[in-house]
Amino acid sequence: MINLSTDWIYQQYVKEFGNKLLPTDFYYDALGRRVMTETYHIRRGTCCGSGCKHCPYEPAHKKGVKTLKSK
């Protein structure tokens, strides 16, 4: 289990949304890393620029971008 007091992704989420991380916001990969879902990123509202696997913004991985990719 990940120690939430040292998890920077969790700390950023709490800073922006409060302490209400939804079960659909993330999953843990095979190495135990927290992976944020597309749902989380859309609710966040902008790209964080961290190179996230499920980045829904266009262009991807560019901090501050608010334009969602068309499906």
Protein backbone atom coordinates (compact mmCIF):
# COMPACT_ATOMS: atom_id res chain seq x y z
CA MET A 1 0.00 0.00 0.00
CA ILE A 2 1.18 3.52 -0.82
CA ASN A 3 1.82 5.93 2.05
CA LEU A 4 -0.58 8.80 1.25
CA SER A 5 1.43 11.29 3.31
CA THR A 6 4.32 10.97 0.80
CA ASP A 7 2.29 10.43 -2.41
CA TRP A 8 2.69 13.68 -4.40
CA ILE A 9 -0.23 12.88 -6.71
CA TYR A 10 -2.56 12.44 -3.76
CA GLN A 11 -1.24 15.62 -2.15
CA GLN A 12 -1.88 17.59 -5.38
CA TYR A 13 -5.41 16.19 -5.56
CA VAL A 14 -6.17 17.17 -1.96
CA LYS A 15 -4.78 20.66 -2.66
CA GLU A 16 -7.13 21.10 -5.64
CA PHE A 17 -10.25 19.11 -4.73
CA GLY A 18 -10.14 18.43 -1.00
CA ASN A 19 -9.80 15.01 0.54
CA LYS A 20 -12.34 13.19 -1.65
CA LEU A 21 -10.51 10.93 -4.06
CA LEU A 22 -13.05 8.72 -5.81
CA PRO A 23 -12.46 4.99 -6.43
CA THR A 24 -12.72 5.65 -10.18
CA ASP A 25 -9.98 8.32 -10.07
CA PHE A 26 -7.03 5.94 -10.03
CA TYR A 27 -5.73 2.39 -10.05
CA TYR A 28 -2.39 0.82 -9.11
CA ASP A 29 -0.22 -0.66 -11.84
CA ALA A 30 1.86 -3.85 -11.52
CA LEU A 31 4.70 -1.90 -9.89
CA GLY A 32 2.40 -0.39 -7.25
CA ARG A 33 2.35 3.09 -8.78
CA ARG A 34 -0.86 5.09 -8.70
CA VAL A 35 -2.19 5.78 -12.21
CA MET A 36 -4.78 8.55 -12.52
CA THR A 37 -7.68 7.84 -14.89
CA GLU A 38 -9.05 9.99 -17.69
CA THR A 39 -12.10 10.70 -15.49
CA TYR A 40 -9.85 12.22 -12.84
CA HIS A 41 -8.03 14.39 -15.39
CA ILE A 42 -11.25 15.71 -16.90
CA ARG A 43 -12.57 16.61 -13.43
CA ARG A 44 -9.24 18.28 -12.65
CA GLY A 45 -9.91 20.66 -15.54
CA THR A 46 -6.42 21.23 -16.98
CA CYS A 47 -3.37 19.26 -17.99
CA CYS A 48 -0.76 18.96 -15.24
CA GLY A 49 2.09 18.50 -17.74
CA SER A 50 3.43 15.37 -16.04
CA GLY A 51 3.15 13.01 -19.01
CA CYS A 52 0.19 11.07 -17.62
CA LYS A 53 -0.81 7.84 -19.35
CA HIS A 54 -4.49 8.82 -19.61
CA CYS A 55 -4.12 12.52 -20.46
CA PRO A 56 -7.36 13.62 -22.20
CA TYR A 57 -6.07 17.01 -23.32
CA GLU A 58 -4.82 18.24 -26.69
CA PRO A 59 -1.95 18.77 -27.00
CA ALA A 60 -1.17 16.13 -24.38
CA HIS A 61 1.32 16.69 -21.59
CA LYS A 62 1.38 20.49 -21.85
CA LYS A 63 0.68 22.14 -18.50
CA GLY A 64 -2.41 24.35 -18.35
CA VAL A 65 -4.08 23.08 -21.54
CA LYS A 66 -7.89 22.90 -21.17
CA THR A 67 -8.94 21.60 -24.61
CA LEU A 68 -10.15 17.99 -24.49
CA LYS A 69 -9.20 15.59 -27.29
CA SER A 70 -12.08 14.89 -29.65
CA LYS A 71 -13.13 11.26 -29.63
